[in-house]
Amino acid sequence: MLPHATRKAPVTDSAPPKRADLKVCGDCSLCCKVYDIPELEKKMGHVCHHVRPEGGCGVWGLHPQTCQDFKCLWIRHDDMNALWRPDVCGFVLRLEPNGTTLAVDVDPDRPDAWRTQHYYDQLKLWSEVMPKNEGLVLVYVPGGLFVITPMEDLFLKAPKRGDILETGMEMTLFGLRPFARVIPAREVRKDRSGLVRRRG
């Protein structure tokens, strides 16, 4: 023992220590491109003017609340390896507010990155919740979105504000098949008034 060294008393606190974050954004800034940032009047698909040439946020620590609140699934999940980092895979993964819809927000400059076999195969596995009505996998691409299902990928034009996405399984001449359609906001309003009825 070194002279003057002291021993620390053993920690008796029963609460488990808080684990340090294992991942940081680093020079990944794809979320700064694919999303609207209202505080900066930045539109989706355009790189934020605060992104540094070498990547990463130039105003980190002073960035808007919208940015501070957002954490992609790669950051949130320690078990997602480096292949799923947004700037590597070409898309950002997030959960929509309902907690059961996985959104894949694609880099408009790499619109087919999600179709790469490694990623596509995993998206198809995750989509197996769809026929059981337990969740959805949606891939947002320029001009629309794909509803990923185990059987097929259903493309829809981009919904407008207030539109409702309706999905499910229906019997067809070829057996039980998935469907997806957009119900325009005006029809949603009629449905609420009892004038139009839609199947859930």
Protein backbone atom coordinates (compact mmCIF):
# COMPACT_ATOMS: atom_id res chain seq x y z
CA MET A 1 0.00 0.00 0.00
CA LEU A 2 1.26 3.44 -0.92
CA PRO A 3 2.02 5.81 1.96
CA HIS A 4 -0.90 8.15 2.66
CA ALA A 5 -3.22 6.04 0.50
CA THR A 6 -6.71 5.54 1.84
CA ARG A 7 -9.28 2.90 1.12
CA LYS A 8 -12.73 3.89 -0.01
CA ALA A 9 -15.61 2.58 2.02
CA PRO A 10 -17.54 -0.14 0.20
CA VAL A 11 -20.62 1.08 -1.63
CA THR A 12 -23.71 -0.12 0.20
CA ASP A 13 -26.29 1.53 -2.04
CA SER A 14 -28.57 -1.26 -3.29
CA ALA A 15 -29.55 0.60 -6.48
CA PRO A 16 -27.67 -0.68 -9.53
CA PRO A 17 -25.20 1.81 -10.96
CA LYS A 18 -26.38 3.75 -13.98
CA ARG A 19 -24.82 2.32 -17.09
CA ALA A 20 -22.96 4.76 -19.28
CA ASP A 21 -24.23 5.27 -22.81
CA LEU A 22 -22.34 2.95 -25.14
CA LYS A 23 -23.12 4.82 -28.34
CA VAL A 24 -22.88 8.42 -29.45
CA CYS A 25 -23.83 10.09 -32.71
CA GLY A 26 -20.23 10.99 -33.49
CA ASP A 27 -19.97 12.15 -37.09
CA CYS A 28 -23.31 10.56 -38.09
CA SER A 29 -25.81 13.27 -38.95
CA LEU A 30 -28.38 11.56 -41.18
CA CYS A 31 -31.23 12.58 -38.87
CA CYS A 32 -30.14 16.18 -39.57
CA LYS A 33 -31.06 15.53 -43.20
CA VAL A 34 -34.14 13.30 -43.30
CA TYR A 35 -36.35 15.21 -40.82
CA ASP A 36 -38.04 18.59 -40.57
CA ILE A 37 -36.55 20.79 -37.83
CA PRO A 38 -39.21 23.47 -37.23
CA GLU A 39 -37.01 25.58 -34.94
CA LEU A 40 -34.51 26.00 -37.78
CA GLU A 41 -37.11 26.13 -40.57
CA LYS A 42 -35.28 23.16 -42.09
CA LYS A 43 -37.26 20.86 -44.41
CA MET A 44 -36.84 17.12 -44.66
CA GLY A 45 -34.39 15.96 -47.30
CA HIS A 46 -32.13 19.00 -46.88
CA VAL A 47 -28.98 18.88 -44.76
CA CYS A 48 -29.12 21.19 -41.76
CA HIS A 49 -26.78 24.17 -42.16
CA HIS A 50 -25.28 23.37 -38.74
CA VAL A 51 -23.86 20.03 -39.95
CA ARG A 52 -20.06 20.24 -40.11
CA PRO A 53 -18.28 19.30 -43.37
CA GLU A 54 -16.68 16.31 -41.63
CA GLY A 55 -20.05 15.28 -40.12
CA GLY A 56 -21.66 15.83 -36.76
CA CYS A 57 -23.53 18.80 -35.33
CA GLY A 58 -21.72 22.12 -35.25
CA VAL A 59 -23.92 23.44 -32.41
CA TRP A 60 -24.03 20.27 -30.29
CA GLY A 61 -25.14 21.17 -26.78
CA LEU A 62 -27.02 24.20 -28.10
CA HIS A 63 -29.00 22.28 -30.73
CA PRO A 64 -32.81 22.73 -30.82
CA GLN A 65 -35.09 20.83 -28.45
CA THR A 66 -36.50 18.78 -31.33
CA CYS A 67 -32.99 17.47 -32.00
CA GLN A 68 -32.19 16.95 -28.32
CA ASP A 69 -35.35 14.88 -27.82
CA PHE A 70 -34.75 12.59 -30.78
CA LYS A 71 -32.76 9.38 -30.46
CA CYS A 72 -32.75 6.87 -33.29
CA LEU A 73 -33.12 3.18 -32.54
CA TRP A 74 -29.46 2.57 -33.30
CA ILE A 75 -28.54 4.88 -30.39
CA ARG A 76 -31.24 3.42 -28.13
CA HIS A 77 -30.37 -0.25 -28.63
CA ASP A 78 -26.94 -1.52 -27.62
CA ASP A 79 -27.49 -4.76 -29.56
CA MET A 80 -27.72 -2.99 -32.94
CA ASN A 81 -24.23 -3.20 -34.39
CA ALA A 82 -22.35 -0.64 -36.47
CA LEU A 83 -24.00 -1.86 -39.70
CA TRP A 84 -27.22 -0.19 -38.49
CA ARG A 85 -25.69 3.21 -37.82
CA PRO A 86 -27.73 5.56 -40.04
CA ASP A 87 -24.85 6.98 -42.06
CA VAL A 88 -23.68 3.42 -42.77
CA CYS A 89 -27.01 1.79 -43.65
CA GLY A 90 -28.56 4.81 -45.40
CA PHE A 91 -31.68 5.18 -43.27
CA VAL A 92 -32.81 6.12 -39.77
CA LEU A 93 -34.87 3.72 -37.64
CA ARG A 94 -37.42 5.07 -35.18
CA LEU A 95 -40.66 4.01 -33.52
CA GLU A 96 -43.78 5.99 -34.35
CA PRO A 97 -45.80 7.36 -31.39
CA ASN A 98 -48.08 4.30 -31.23
CA GLY A 99 -45.05 2.26 -30.14
CA THR A 100 -45.76 -0.62 -32.54
CA THR A 101 -44.85 0.87 -35.93
CA LEU A 102 -41.22 0.71 -36.99
CA ALA A 103 -40.43 3.60 -39.34
CA VAL A 104 -37.50 3.42 -41.73
CA ASP A 105 -36.69 6.95 -42.92
CA VAL A 106 -34.54 6.64 -46.04
CA ASP A 107 -31.77 9.01 -47.13
CA PRO A 108 -33.21 10.54 -50.35
CA ASP A 109 -29.75 10.25 -51.93
CA ARG A 110 -29.74 6.49 -51.21
CA PRO A 111 -33.40 5.54 -51.79
CA ASP A 112 -32.72 1.81 -52.27
CA ALA A 113 -30.29 1.29 -49.37
CA TRP A 114 -32.97 -0.53 -47.38
CA ARG A 115 -33.20 -3.14 -50.15
CA THR A 116 -29.64 -4.37 -49.51
CA GLN A 117 -29.99 -8.04 -48.60
CA HIS A 118 -28.78 -7.83 -44.99
CA TYR A 119 -31.19 -5.00 -44.14
CA TYR A 120 -34.07 -6.18 -46.29
CA ASP A 121 -34.00 -9.68 -44.80
CA GLN A 122 -34.21 -8.24 -41.28
CA LEU A 123 -37.05 -5.85 -42.21
CA LYS A 124 -38.99 -8.82 -43.58
CA LEU A 125 -38.45 -10.72 -40.33
CA TRP A 126 -39.67 -7.73 -38.31
CA SER A 127 -42.72 -7.44 -40.59
CA GLU A 128 -44.04 -10.82 -39.43
CA VAL A 129 -46.02 -8.94 -36.75
CA MET A 130 -48.22 -7.38 -39.46
CA PRO A 131 -50.56 -10.32 -40.27
CA LYS A 132 -51.18 -10.76 -36.53
CA ASN A 133 -52.09 -7.06 -36.25
CA GLU A 134 -49.30 -6.56 -33.71
CA GLY A 135 -47.28 -3.94 -35.55
CA LEU A 136 -46.08 -2.50 -38.85
CA VAL A 137 -42.85 -1.85 -40.70
CA LEU A 138 -43.04 1.26 -42.89
CA VAL A 139 -40.26 2.39 -45.22
CA TYR A 140 -40.54 6.10 -46.08
CA VAL A 141 -38.97 6.82 -49.48
CA PRO A 142 -39.10 9.92 -51.71
CA GLY A 143 -42.67 10.25 -52.97
CA GLY A 144 -44.29 7.66 -50.76
CA LEU A 145 -43.92 4.70 -48.45
CA PHE A 146 -43.75 0.93 -48.50
CA VAL A 147 -45.75 -1.19 -46.08
CA ILE A 148 -43.47 -4.20 -45.59
CA THR A 149 -45.25 -7.51 -45.09
CA PRO A 150 -43.95 -11.10 -45.08
CA MET A 151 -45.72 -11.75 -48.42
CA GLU A 152 -45.11 -8.54 -50.37
CA ASP A 153 -44.18 -4.87 -50.10
CA LEU A 154 -47.10 -2.50 -50.74
CA PHE A 155 -46.28 0.95 -52.12
CA LEU A 156 -48.49 3.96 -51.37
CA LYS A 157 -48.12 7.58 -52.43
CA ALA A 158 -47.12 9.86 -49.57
CA PRO A 159 -50.12 10.50 -47.29
CA LYS A 160 -51.10 14.12 -46.64
CA ARG A 161 -51.56 15.65 -43.21
CA GLY A 162 -54.65 14.16 -41.55
CA ASP A 163 -54.85 11.11 -43.83
CA ILE A 164 -55.13 7.72 -42.17
CA LEU A 165 -53.16 4.62 -43.15
CA GLU A 166 -55.34 1.51 -43.05
CA THR A 167 -53.72 -1.93 -43.17
CA GLY A 168 -54.74 -5.49 -42.54
CA MET A 169 -55.43 -8.86 -44.13
CA GLU A 170 -58.30 -9.60 -46.48
CA MET A 171 -59.58 -12.62 -48.38
CA THR A 172 -58.94 -12.46 -52.12
CA LEU A 173 -59.25 -14.90 -55.04
CA PHE A 174 -55.70 -15.92 -54.20
CA GLY A 175 -56.29 -16.49 -50.50
CA LEU A 176 -55.55 -14.26 -47.53
CA ARG A 177 -53.42 -11.31 -48.62
CA PRO A 178 -52.23 -8.08 -46.96
CA PHE A 179 -53.72 -4.75 -47.96
CA ALA A 180 -52.77 -1.13 -47.35
CA ARG A 181 -54.60 2.03 -48.34
CA VAL A 182 -54.71 5.68 -47.44
CA ILE A 183 -58.02 7.15 -46.31
CA PRO A 184 -58.07 10.88 -47.17
CA ALA A 185 -58.61 13.27 -44.27
CA ARG A 186 -61.94 14.45 -45.70
CA GLU A 187 -63.30 10.89 -45.56
CA VAL A 188 -61.94 10.40 -42.06
CA ARG A 189 -63.97 13.45 -40.97
CA LYS A 190 -67.10 12.01 -42.62
CA ASP A 191 -66.50 8.69 -40.90
CA ARG A 192 -66.41 10.44 -37.51
CA SER A 193 -69.76 12.04 -38.25
CA GLY A 194 -71.27 8.65 -39.02
CA LEU A 195 -71.75 9.32 -42.76
CA VAL A 196 -69.04 6.98 -43.95
CA ARG A 197 -68.02 3.69 -42.38
CA ARG A 198 -64.66 2.03 -42.90
CA ARG A 199 -63.55 -1.42 -41.94
CA GLY A 200 -60.83 -1.48 -39.27
